Amino acid sequence: MKFIKRIYSSIPDYFKNRYWLTIILFVCWMAFFDNNNFWSQVSLKFELNDLRNQKEKVLQDIKIVKERHDKLLNDSKEQERFAREKYWMKKKNEDIFIMVKDH
């Protein structure tokens, strides 16, 4: 009992006030125990930054695909190249050789 009284007497008076105690408990609760605590907010911030970076990459990929699509629709040489590569189309006097890599 003396030990507890000694500890209690060593605490400054302004921390013995119930309002300070309430504020301290509230801050501890919000920092460590709440669903929206400090650590989850930090991890969500990192995740948000990662998603924004991924969004930028996807937008760049979309831009490249749209450019290729427009080029494919408007350029007859590009259409021919695409048909030859993708669907193995050929002219009457041509032969197609398909190379397969063995691992």
PDB file of N, CA and C in Angstrom:
ATOM      1  N   MET A   1       0.820  -1.186   0.000  1.00  0.00           N
ATOM      2  CA  MET A   1       0.000   0.000   0.000  1.00  0.00           C
ATOM      3  C   MET A   1       0.869   1.256   0.000  1.00  0.00           C
ATOM      4  N   LYS A   2       1.976   1.206   0.735  1.00  0.00           N
ATOM      5  CA  LYS A   2       2.867   2.360   0.764  1.00  0.00           C
ATOM      6  C   LYS A   2       3.477   2.607  -0.613  1.00  0.00           C
ATOM      7  N   PHE A   3       3.735   1.510  -1.299  1.00  0.00           N
ATOM      8  CA  PHE A   3       4.306   1.616  -2.635  1.00  0.00           C
ATOM      9  C   PHE A   3       3.359   2.379  -3.574  1.00  0.00           C
ATOM     10  N   ILE A   4       2.077   2.062  -3.525  1.00  0.00           N
ATOM     11  CA  ILE A   4       1.081   2.722  -4.366  1.00  0.00           C
ATOM     12  C   ILE A   4       0.953   4.188  -3.985  1.00  0.00           C
ATOM     13  N   LYS A   5       0.948   4.485  -2.691  1.00  0.00           N
ATOM     14  CA  LYS A   5       0.866   5.886  -2.246  1.00  0.00           C
ATOM     15  C   LYS A   5       2.085   6.667  -2.703  1.00  0.00           C
ATOM     16  N   ARG A   6       3.252   6.032  -2.672  1.00  0.00           N
ATOM     17  CA  ARG A   6       4.474   6.699  -3.100  1.00  0.00           C
ATOM     18  C   ARG A   6       4.414   7.007  -4.606  1.00  0.00           C
ATOM     19  N   ILE A   7       3.925   6.063  -5.370  1.00  0.00           N
ATOM     20  CA  ILE A   7       3.787   6.297  -6.815  1.00  0.00           C
ATOM     21  C   ILE A   7       2.760   7.388  -7.064  1.00  0.00           C
ATOM     22  N   TYR A   8       1.636   7.335  -6.374  1.00  0.00           N
ATOM     23  CA  TYR A   8       0.579   8.333  -6.547  1.00  0.00           C
ATOM     24  C   TYR A   8       1.065   9.729  -6.166  1.00  0.00           C
ATOM     25  N   SER A   9       1.850   9.810  -5.122  1.00  0.00           N
ATOM     26  CA  SER A   9       2.350  11.123  -4.699  1.00  0.00           C
ATOM     27  C   SER A   9       3.424  11.660  -5.636  1.00  0.00           C
ATOM     28  N   SER A  10       4.096  10.789  -6.391  1.00  0.00           N
ATOM     29  CA  SER A  10       5.126  11.248  -7.322  1.00  0.00           C
ATOM     30  C   SER A  10       4.528  11.783  -8.628  1.00  0.00           C
ATOM     31  N   ILE A  11       3.247  11.504  -8.886  1.00  0.00           N
ATOM     32  CA  ILE A  11       2.585  12.001 -10.101  1.00  0.00           C
ATOM     33  C   ILE A  11       2.263  13.475  -9.895  1.00  0.00           C
ATOM     34  N   PRO A  12       2.582  14.325 -10.875  1.00  0.00           N
ATOM     35  CA  PRO A  12       2.252  15.754 -10.741  1.00  0.00           C
ATOM     36  C   PRO A  12       0.744  15.961 -10.594  1.00  0.00           C
ATOM     37  N   ASP A  13       0.367  17.040  -9.942  1.00  0.00           N
ATOM     38  CA  ASP A  13      -1.041  17.272  -9.638  1.00  0.00           C
ATOM     39  C   ASP A  13      -1.899  17.439 -10.895  1.00  0.00           C
ATOM     40  N   TYR A  14      -1.361  18.050 -11.928  1.00  0.00           N
ATOM     41  CA  TYR A  14      -2.181  18.274 -13.112  1.00  0.00           C
ATOM     42  C   TYR A  14      -2.484  16.963 -13.848  1.00  0.00           C
ATOM     43  N   PHE A  15      -1.697  15.914 -13.631  1.00  0.00           N
ATOM     44  CA  PHE A  15      -2.026  14.617 -14.202  1.00  0.00           C
ATOM     45  C   PHE A  15      -3.021  13.838 -13.348  1.00  0.00           C
ATOM     46  N   LYS A  16      -3.223  14.251 -12.138  1.00  0.00           N
ATOM     47  CA  LYS A  16      -4.216  13.616 -11.279  1.00  0.00           C
ATOM     48  C   LYS A  16      -5.621  14.123 -11.587  1.00  0.00           C
ATOM     49  N   ASN A  17      -5.698  15.207 -12.328  1.00  0.00           N
ATOM     50  CA  ASN A  17      -6.983  15.765 -12.713  1.00  0.00           C
ATOM     51  C   ASN A  17      -7.701  14.780 -13.633  1.00  0.00           C
ATOM     52  N   ARG A  18      -8.997  14.591 -13.442  1.00  0.00           N
ATOM     53  CA  ARG A  18      -9.736  13.588 -14.212  1.00  0.00           C
ATOM     54  C   ARG A  18      -9.845  13.953 -15.683  1.00  0.00           C
ATOM     55  N   TYR A  19      -9.796  15.232 -16.020  1.00  0.00           N
ATOM     56  CA  TYR A  19      -9.844  15.634 -17.420  1.00  0.00           C
ATOM     57  C   TYR A  19      -8.564  15.232 -18.157  1.00  0.00           C
ATOM     58  N   TRP A  20      -7.429  15.427 -17.509  1.00  0.00           N
ATOM     59  CA  TRP A  20      -6.165  14.988 -18.118  1.00  0.00           C
ATOM     60  C   TRP A  20      -6.147  13.479 -18.283  1.00  0.00           C
ATOM     61  N   LEU A  21      -6.618  12.798 -17.269  1.00  0.00           N
ATOM     62  CA  LEU A  21      -6.677  11.337 -17.348  1.00  0.00           C
ATOM     63  C   LEU A  21      -7.575  10.891 -18.505  1.00  0.00           C
ATOM     64  N   THR A  22      -8.706  11.558 -18.671  1.00  0.00           N
ATOM     65  CA  THR A  22      -9.613  11.238 -19.773  1.00  0.00           C
ATOM     66  C   THR A  22      -8.950  11.502 -21.128  1.00  0.00           C
ATOM     67  N   ILE A  23      -8.265  12.621 -21.238  1.00  0.00           N
ATOM     68  CA  ILE A  23      -7.577  12.954 -22.493  1.00  0.00           C
ATOM     69  C   ILE A  23      -6.490  11.931 -22.798  1.00  0.00           C
ATOM     70  N   ILE A  24      -5.716  11.567 -21.809  1.00  0.00           N
ATOM     71  CA  ILE A  24      -4.645  10.581 -22.006  1.00  0.00           C
ATOM     72  C   ILE A  24      -5.228   9.233 -22.424  1.00  0.00           C
ATOM     73  N   LEU A  25      -6.284   8.795 -21.759  1.00  0.00           N
ATOM     74  CA  LEU A  25      -6.923   7.536 -22.131  1.00  0.00           C
ATOM     75  C   LEU A  25      -7.497   7.594 -23.549  1.00  0.00           C
ATOM     76  N   PHE A  26      -8.086   8.726 -23.895  1.00  0.00           N
ATOM     77  CA  PHE A  26      -8.646   8.882 -25.239  1.00  0.00           C
ATOM     78  C   PHE A  26      -7.550   8.813 -26.300  1.00  0.00           C
ATOM     79  N   VAL A  27      -6.445   9.497 -26.077  1.00  0.00           N
ATOM     80  CA  VAL A  27      -5.341   9.487 -27.035  1.00  0.00           C
ATOM     81  C   VAL A  27      -4.757   8.083 -27.166  1.00  0.00           C
ATOM     82  N   CYS A  28      -4.580   7.403 -26.052  1.00  0.00           N
ATOM     83  CA  CYS A  28      -4.070   6.026 -26.113  1.00  0.00           C
ATOM     84  C   CYS A  28      -5.035   5.116 -26.856  1.00  0.00           C
ATOM     85  N   TRP A  29      -6.316   5.274 -26.597  1.00  0.00           N
ATOM     86  CA  TRP A  29      -7.309   4.455 -27.282  1.00  0.00           C
ATOM     87  C   TRP A  29      -7.273   4.705 -28.792  1.00  0.00           C
ATOM     88  N   MET A  30      -7.249   5.970 -29.188  1.00  0.00           N
ATOM     89  CA  MET A  30      -7.250   6.302 -30.611  1.00  0.00           C
ATOM     90  C   MET A  30      -5.940   5.894 -31.300  1.00  0.00           C
ATOM     91  N   ALA A  31      -4.843   5.936 -30.573  1.00  0.00           N
ATOM     92  CA  ALA A  31      -3.545   5.628 -31.175  1.00  0.00           C
ATOM     93  C   ALA A  31      -3.320   4.127 -31.337  1.00  0.00           C
ATOM     94  N   PHE A  32      -3.857   3.315 -30.449  1.00  0.00           N
ATOM     95  CA  PHE A  32      -3.494   1.893 -30.454  1.00  0.00           C
ATOM     96  C   PHE A  32      -4.654   0.920 -30.584  1.00  0.00           C
ATOM     97  N   PHE A  33      -5.828   1.217 -30.050  1.00  0.00           N
ATOM     98  CA  PHE A  33      -6.878   0.213 -29.938  1.00  0.00           C
ATOM     99  C   PHE A  33      -8.051   0.395 -30.883  1.00  0.00           C
ATOM    100  N   ASP A  34      -8.246   1.564 -31.436  1.00  0.00           N
ATOM    101  CA  ASP A  34      -9.384   1.838 -32.303  1.00  0.00           C
ATOM    102  C   ASP A  34      -9.177   1.197 -33.678  1.00  0.00           C
ATOM    103  N   ASN A  35     -10.263   0.973 -34.403  1.00  0.00           N
ATOM    104  CA  ASN A  35     -10.142   0.407 -35.755  1.00  0.00           C
ATOM    105  C   ASN A  35      -9.406   1.351 -36.700  1.00  0.00           C
ATOM    106  N   ASN A  36      -9.518   2.620 -36.472  1.00  0.00           N
ATOM    107  CA  ASN A  36      -8.843   3.623 -37.296  1.00  0.00           C
ATOM    108  C   ASN A  36      -7.624   4.179 -36.564  1.00  0.00           C
ATOM    109  N   ASN A  37      -6.837   3.307 -35.985  1.00  0.00           N
ATOM    110  CA  ASN A  37      -5.696   3.757 -35.199  1.00  0.00           C
ATOM    111  C   ASN A  37      -4.582   4.298 -36.092  1.00  0.00           C
ATOM    112  N   PHE A  38      -3.567   4.795 -35.460  1.00  0.00           N
ATOM    113  CA  PHE A  38      -2.456   5.448 -36.158  1.00  0.00           C
ATOM    114  C   PHE A  38      -1.783   4.499 -37.141  1.00  0.00           C
ATOM    115  N   TRP A  39      -1.540   3.270 -36.745  1.00  0.00           N
ATOM    116  CA  TRP A  39      -0.814   2.329 -37.601  1.00  0.00           C
ATOM    117  C   TRP A  39      -1.621   1.958 -38.832  1.00  0.00           C
ATOM    118  N   SER A  40      -2.919   1.773 -38.666  1.00  0.00           N
ATOM    119  CA  SER A  40      -3.735   1.445 -39.844  1.00  0.00           C
ATOM    120  C   SER A  40      -3.819   2.634 -40.793  1.00  0.00           C
ATOM    121  N   GLN A  41      -3.839   3.844 -40.254  1.00  0.00           N
ATOM    122  CA  GLN A  41      -3.853   5.031 -41.114  1.00  0.00           C
ATOM    123  C   GLN A  41      -2.567   5.142 -41.925  1.00  0.00           C
ATOM    124  N   VAL A  42      -1.446   4.844 -41.305  1.00  0.00           N
ATOM    125  CA  VAL A  42      -0.168   4.889 -42.014  1.00  0.00           C
ATOM    126  C   VAL A  42      -0.136   3.827 -43.103  1.00  0.00           C
ATOM    127  N   SER A  43      -0.574   2.619 -42.791  1.00  0.00           N
ATOM    128  CA  SER A  43      -0.565   1.556 -43.798  1.00  0.00           C
ATOM    129  C   SER A  43      -1.532   1.872 -44.939  1.00  0.00           C
ATOM    130  N   LEU A  44      -2.676   2.474 -44.625  1.00  0.00           N
ATOM    131  CA  LEU A  44      -3.612   2.869 -45.667  1.00  0.00           C
ATOM    132  C   LEU A  44      -3.036   3.971 -46.554  1.00  0.00           C
ATOM    133  N   LYS A  45      -2.260   4.860 -45.968  1.00  0.00           N
ATOM    134  CA  LYS A  45      -1.615   5.926 -46.747  1.00  0.00           C
ATOM    135  C   LYS A  45      -0.610   5.327 -47.735  1.00  0.00           C
ATOM    136  N   PHE A  46       0.190   4.341 -47.295  1.00  0.00           N
ATOM    137  CA  PHE A  46       1.133   3.678 -48.186  1.00  0.00           C
ATOM    138  C   PHE A  46       0.391   2.937 -49.301  1.00  0.00           C
ATOM    139  N   GLU A  47      -0.692   2.268 -48.938  1.00  0.00           N
ATOM    140  CA  GLU A  47      -1.476   1.543 -49.932  1.00  0.00           C
ATOM    141  C   GLU A  47      -2.076   2.497 -50.960  1.00  0.00           C
ATOM    142  N   LEU A  48      -2.538   3.651 -50.492  1.00  0.00           N
ATOM    143  CA  LEU A  48      -3.085   4.658 -51.398  1.00  0.00           C
ATOM    144  C   LEU A  48      -2.028   5.146 -52.380  1.00  0.00           C
ATOM    145  N   ASN A  49      -0.817   5.375 -51.898  1.00  0.00           N
ATOM    146  CA  ASN A  49       0.264   5.801 -52.783  1.00  0.00           C
ATOM    147  C   ASN A  49       0.592   4.725 -53.816  1.00  0.00           C
ATOM    148  N   ASP A  50       0.606   3.460 -53.396  1.00  0.00           N
ATOM    149  CA  ASP A  50       0.851   2.360 -54.331  1.00  0.00           C
ATOM    150  C   ASP A  50      -0.242   2.296 -55.397  1.00  0.00           C
ATOM    151  N   LEU A  51      -1.488   2.462 -54.975  1.00  0.00           N
ATOM    152  CA  LEU A  51      -2.599   2.421 -55.928  1.00  0.00           C
ATOM    153  C   LEU A  51      -2.547   3.596 -56.900  1.00  0.00           C
ATOM    154  N   ARG A  52      -2.127   4.753 -56.429  1.00  0.00           N
ATOM    155  CA  ARG A  52      -1.986   5.896 -57.338  1.00  0.00           C
ATOM    156  C   ARG A  52      -0.893   5.635 -58.363  1.00  0.00           C
ATOM    157  N   ASN A  53       0.213   5.023 -57.933  1.00  0.00           N
ATOM    158  CA  ASN A  53       1.279   4.677 -58.876  1.00  0.00           C
ATOM    159  C   ASN A  53       0.793   3.663 -59.906  1.00  0.00           C
ATOM    160  N   GLN A  54       0.039   2.666 -59.460  1.00  0.00           N
ATOM    161  CA  GLN A  54      -0.513   1.679 -60.374  1.00  0.00           C
ATOM    162  C   GLN A  54      -1.483   2.326 -61.352  1.00  0.00           C
ATOM    163  N   LYS A  55      -2.248   3.294 -60.864  1.00  0.00           N
ATOM    164  CA  LYS A  55      -3.193   3.999 -61.723  1.00  0.00           C
ATOM    165  C   LYS A  55      -2.453   4.734 -62.835  1.00  0.00           C
ATOM    166  N   GLU A  56      -1.355   5.396 -62.491  1.00  0.00           N
ATOM    167  CA  GLU A  56      -0.561   6.102 -63.498  1.00  0.00           C
ATOM    168  C   GLU A  56      -0.029   5.133 -64.549  1.00  0.00           C
ATOM    169  N   LYS A  57       0.460   3.978 -64.117  1.00  0.00           N
ATOM    170  CA  LYS A  57       0.966   2.984 -65.062  1.00  0.00           C
ATOM    171  C   LYS A  57      -0.141   2.486 -65.979  1.00  0.00           C
ATOM    172  N   VAL A  58      -1.320   2.235 -65.418  1.00  0.00           N
ATOM    173  CA  VAL A  58      -2.439   1.748 -66.225  1.00  0.00           C
ATOM    174  C   VAL A  58      -2.882   2.822 -67.213  1.00  0.00           C
ATOM    175  N   LEU A  59      -2.908   4.076 -66.782  1.00  0.00           N
ATOM    176  CA  LEU A  59      -3.282   5.155 -67.698  1.00  0.00           C
ATOM    177  C   LEU A  59      -2.277   5.278 -68.839  1.00  0.00           C
ATOM    178  N   GLN A  60      -1.002   5.090 -68.560  1.00  0.00           N
ATOM    179  CA  GLN A  60      -0.001   5.109 -69.622  1.00  0.00           C
ATOM    180  C   GLN A  60      -0.202   3.930 -70.579  1.00  0.00           C
ATOM    181  N   ASP A  61      -0.499   2.760 -70.029  1.00  0.00           N
ATOM    182  CA  ASP A  61      -0.757   1.592 -70.872  1.00  0.00           C
ATOM    183  C   ASP A  61      -1.986   1.816 -71.759  1.00  0.00           C
ATOM    184  N   ILE A  62      -3.023   2.427 -71.199  1.00  0.00           N
ATOM    185  CA  ILE A  62      -4.226   2.714 -71.973  1.00  0.00           C
ATOM    186  C   ILE A  62      -3.907   3.675 -73.107  1.00  0.00           C
ATOM    187  N   LYS A  63      -3.091   4.667 -72.835  1.00  0.00           N
ATOM    188  CA  LYS A  63      -2.701   5.625 -73.867  1.00  0.00           C
ATOM    189  C   LYS A  63      -1.958   4.931 -75.009  1.00  0.00           C
ATOM    190  N   ILE A  64      -1.039   4.032 -74.660  1.00  0.00           N
ATOM    191  CA  ILE A  64      -0.287   3.288 -75.677  1.00  0.00           C
ATOM    192  C   ILE A  64      -1.220   2.403 -76.495  1.00  0.00           C
ATOM    193  N   VAL A  65      -2.150   1.735 -75.841  1.00  0.00           N
ATOM    194  CA  VAL A  65      -3.082   0.854 -76.540  1.00  0.00           C
ATOM    195  C   VAL A  65      -3.990   1.668 -77.466  1.00  0.00           C
ATOM    196  N   LYS A  66      -4.449   2.826 -77.022  1.00  0.00           N
ATOM    197  CA  LYS A  66      -5.287   3.674 -77.878  1.00  0.00           C
ATOM    198  C   LYS A  66      -4.514   4.148 -79.104  1.00  0.00           C
ATOM    199  N   GLU A  67      -3.237   4.490 -78.929  1.00  0.00           N
ATOM    200  CA  GLU A  67      -2.424   4.915 -80.066  1.00  0.00           C
ATOM    201  C   GLU A  67      -2.259   3.765 -81.061  1.00  0.00           C
ATOM    202  N   ARG A  68      -1.978   2.573 -80.556  1.00  0.00           N
ATOM    203  CA  ARG A  68      -1.837   1.404 -81.437  1.00  0.00           C
ATOM    204  C   ARG A  68      -3.158   1.090 -82.134  1.00  0.00           C
ATOM    205  N   HIS A  69      -4.265   1.245 -81.414  1.00  0.00           N
ATOM    206  CA  HIS A  69      -5.581   0.986 -81.981  1.00  0.00           C
ATOM    207  C   HIS A  69      -5.882   1.972 -83.114  1.00  0.00           C
ATOM    208  N   ASP A  70      -5.630   3.253 -82.880  1.00  0.00           N
ATOM    209  CA  ASP A  70      -5.858   4.255 -83.921  1.00  0.00           C
ATOM    210  C   ASP A  70      -4.974   4.002 -85.127  1.00  0.00           C
ATOM    211  N   LYS A  71      -3.719   3.652 -84.873  1.00  0.00           N
ATOM    212  CA  LYS A  71      -2.799   3.357 -85.962  1.00  0.00           C
ATOM    213  C   LYS A  71      -3.263   2.130 -86.739  1.00  0.00           C
ATOM    214  N   LEU A  72      -3.756   1.144 -86.057  1.00  0.00           N
ATOM    215  CA  LEU A  72      -4.228  -0.082 -86.696  1.00  0.00           C
ATOM    216  C   LEU A  72      -5.464   0.187 -87.551  1.00  0.00           C
ATOM    217  N   LEU A  73      -6.339   1.047 -87.091  1.00  0.00           N
ATOM    218  CA  LEU A  73      -7.557   1.340 -87.852  1.00  0.00           C
ATOM    219  C   LEU A  73      -7.283   2.189 -89.080  1.00  0.00           C
ATOM    220  N   ASN A  74      -6.265   3.032 -89.042  1.00  0.00           N
ATOM    221  CA  ASN A  74      -6.054   4.005 -90.105  1.00  0.00           C
ATOM    222  C   ASN A  74      -4.912   3.681 -91.061  1.00  0.00           C
ATOM    223  N   ASP A  75      -4.074   2.740 -90.734  1.00  0.00           N
ATOM    224  CA  ASP A  75      -2.891   2.459 -91.547  1.00  0.00           C
ATOM    225  C   ASP A  75      -3.010   1.052 -92.134  1.00  0.00           C
ATOM    226  N   SER A  76      -3.037   0.969 -93.471  1.00  0.00           N
ATOM    227  CA  SER A  76      -3.213  -0.343 -94.110  1.00  0.00           C
ATOM    228  C   SER A  76      -1.986  -1.232 -93.918  1.00  0.00           C
ATOM    229  N   LYS A  77      -0.807  -0.658 -93.887  1.00  0.00           N
ATOM    230  CA  LYS A  77       0.399  -1.469 -93.648  1.00  0.00           C
ATOM    231  C   LYS A  77       0.389  -2.061 -92.246  1.00  0.00           C
ATOM    232  N   GLU A  78      -0.104  -1.294 -91.285  1.00  0.00           N
ATOM    233  CA  GLU A  78      -0.211  -1.796 -89.912  1.00  0.00           C
ATOM    234  C   GLU A  78      -1.250  -2.912 -89.832  1.00  0.00           C
ATOM    235  N   GLN A  79      -2.328  -2.783 -90.581  1.00  0.00           N
ATOM    236  CA  GLN A  79      -3.350  -3.833 -90.604  1.00  0.00           C
ATOM    237  C   GLN A  79      -2.776  -5.124 -91.190  1.00  0.00           C
ATOM    238  N   GLU A  80      -2.006  -4.978 -92.251  1.00  0.00           N
ATOM    239  CA  GLU A  80      -1.385  -6.152 -92.859  1.00  0.00           C
ATOM    240  C   GLU A  80      -0.395  -6.808 -91.896  1.00  0.00           C
ATOM    241  N   ARG A  81       0.427  -6.016 -91.249  1.00  0.00           N
ATOM    242  CA  ARG A  81       1.393  -6.547 -90.283  1.00  0.00           C
ATOM    243  C   ARG A  81       0.680  -7.284 -89.153  1.00  0.00           C
ATOM    244  N   PHE A  82      -0.381  -6.688 -88.643  1.00  0.00           N
ATOM    245  CA  PHE A  82      -1.145  -7.294 -87.556  1.00  0.00           C
ATOM    246  C   PHE A  82      -1.755  -8.627 -87.991  1.00  0.00           C
ATOM    247  N   ALA A  83      -2.347  -8.643 -89.188  1.00  0.00           N
ATOM    248  CA  ALA A  83      -2.972  -9.883 -89.679  1.00  0.00           C
ATOM    249  C   ALA A  83      -1.935 -10.977 -89.877  1.00  0.00           C
ATOM    250  N   ARG A  84      -0.760 -10.613 -90.368  1.00  0.00           N
ATOM    251  CA  ARG A  84       0.287 -11.615 -90.583  1.00  0.00           C
ATOM    252  C   ARG A  84       0.815 -12.164 -89.253  1.00  0.00           C
ATOM    253  N   GLU A  85       1.001 -11.286 -88.291  1.00  0.00           N
ATOM    254  CA  GLU A  85       1.564 -11.729 -87.002  1.00  0.00           C
ATOM    255  C   GLU A  85       0.538 -12.461 -86.150  1.00  0.00           C
ATOM    256  N   LYS A  86      -0.641 -11.930 -86.086  1.00  0.00           N
ATOM    257  CA  LYS A  86      -1.632 -12.476 -85.152  1.00  0.00           C
ATOM    258  C   LYS A  86      -2.366 -13.692 -85.723  1.00  0.00           C
ATOM    259  N   TYR A  87      -2.769 -13.614 -86.983  1.00  0.00           N
ATOM    260  CA  TYR A  87      -3.616 -14.664 -87.562  1.00  0.00           C
ATOM    261  C   TYR A  87      -2.903 -15.477 -88.628  1.00  0.00           C
ATOM    262  N   TRP A  88      -1.608 -15.286 -88.815  1.00  0.00           N
ATOM    263  CA  TRP A  88      -0.777 -16.045 -89.747  1.00  0.00           C
ATOM    264  C   TRP A  88      -1.320 -16.000 -91.177  1.00  0.00           C
ATOM    265  N   MET A  89      -1.839 -14.867 -91.547  1.00  0.00           N
ATOM    266  CA  MET A  89      -2.330 -14.710 -92.911  1.00  0.00           C
ATOM    267  C   MET A  89      -1.136 -14.521 -93.840  1.00  0.00           C
ATOM    268  N   LYS A  90      -1.343 -14.889 -95.115  1.00  0.00           N
ATOM    269  CA  LYS A  90      -0.240 -14.803 -96.068  1.00  0.00           C
ATOM    270  C   LYS A  90      -0.785 -14.509 -97.450  1.00  0.00           C
ATOM    271  N   LYS A  91       0.130 -14.100 -98.317  1.00  0.00           N
ATOM    272  CA  LYS A  91      -0.230 -13.907 -99.714  1.00  0.00           C
ATOM    273  C   LYS A  91      -0.136 -15.260-100.413  1.00  0.00           C
ATOM    274  N   LYS A  92      -0.643 -15.328-101.627  1.00  0.00           N
ATOM    275  CA  LYS A  92      -0.708 -16.604-102.341  1.00  0.00           C
ATOM    276  C   LYS A  92       0.661 -17.213-102.589  1.00  0.00           C
ATOM    277  N   ASN A  93       1.652 -16.410-102.841  1.00  0.00           N
ATOM    278  CA  ASN A  93       2.966 -16.950-103.192  1.00  0.00           C
ATOM    279  C   ASN A  93       3.924 -17.024-101.995  1.00  0.00           C
ATOM    280  N   GLU A  94       3.421 -16.967-100.779  1.00  0.00           N
ATOM    281  CA  GLU A  94       4.272 -16.989 -99.586  1.00  0.00           C
ATOM    282  C   GLU A  94       4.074 -18.271 -98.796  1.00  0.00           C
ATOM    283  N   ASP A  95       5.105 -18.627 -98.043  1.00  0.00           N
ATOM    284  CA  ASP A  95       5.024 -19.735 -97.096  1.00  0.00           C
ATOM    285  C   ASP A  95       5.248 -19.180 -95.701  1.00  0.00           C
ATOM    286  N   ILE A  96       4.600 -19.803 -94.720  1.00  0.00           N
ATOM    287  CA  ILE A  96       4.744 -19.356 -93.329  1.00  0.00           C
ATOM    288  C   ILE A  96       5.550 -20.406 -92.576  1.00  0.00           C
ATOM    289  N   PHE A  97       6.568 -19.949 -91.883  1.00  0.00           N
ATOM    290  CA  PHE A  97       7.365 -20.810 -91.022  1.00  0.00           C
ATOM    291  C   PHE A  97       7.172 -20.347 -89.586  1.00  0.00           C
ATOM    292  N   ILE A  98       6.762 -21.233 -88.711  1.00  0.00           N
ATOM    293  CA  ILE A  98       6.534 -20.909 -87.313  1.00  0.00           C
ATOM    294  C   ILE A  98       7.676 -21.494 -86.510  1.00  0.00           C
ATOM    295  N   MET A  99       8.381 -20.626 -85.813  1.00  0.00           N
ATOM    296  CA  MET A  99       9.514 -21.050 -85.004  1.00  0.00           C
ATOM    297  C   MET A  99       9.058 -21.223 -83.561  1.00  0.00           C
ATOM    298  N   VAL A 100       9.327 -22.388 -83.002  1.00  0.00           N
ATOM    299  CA  VAL A 100       8.954 -22.688 -81.630  1.00  0.00           C
ATOM    300  C   VAL A 100      10.240 -22.849 -80.825  1.00  0.00           C
ATOM    301  N   LYS A 101      10.298 -22.164 -79.687  1.00  0.00           N
ATOM    302  CA  LYS A 101      11.492 -22.272 -78.836  1.00  0.00           C
ATOM    303  C   LYS A 101      11.358 -23.494 -77.929  1.00  0.00           C
ATOM    304  N   ASP A 102      12.376 -24.328 -77.934  1.00  0.00           N
ATOM    305  CA  ASP A 102      12.438 -25.466 -77.004  1.00  0.00           C
ATOM    306  C   ASP A 102      13.199 -25.026 -75.762  1.00  0.00           C
ATOM    307  N   HIS A 103      12.688 -25.372 -74.639  1.00  0.00           N
ATOM    308  CA  HIS A 103      13.349 -24.963 -73.386  1.00  0.00           C
ATOM    309  C   HIS A 103      14.347 -25.966 -72.936  1.00  0.00           C
TER     310      HIS A 103
END
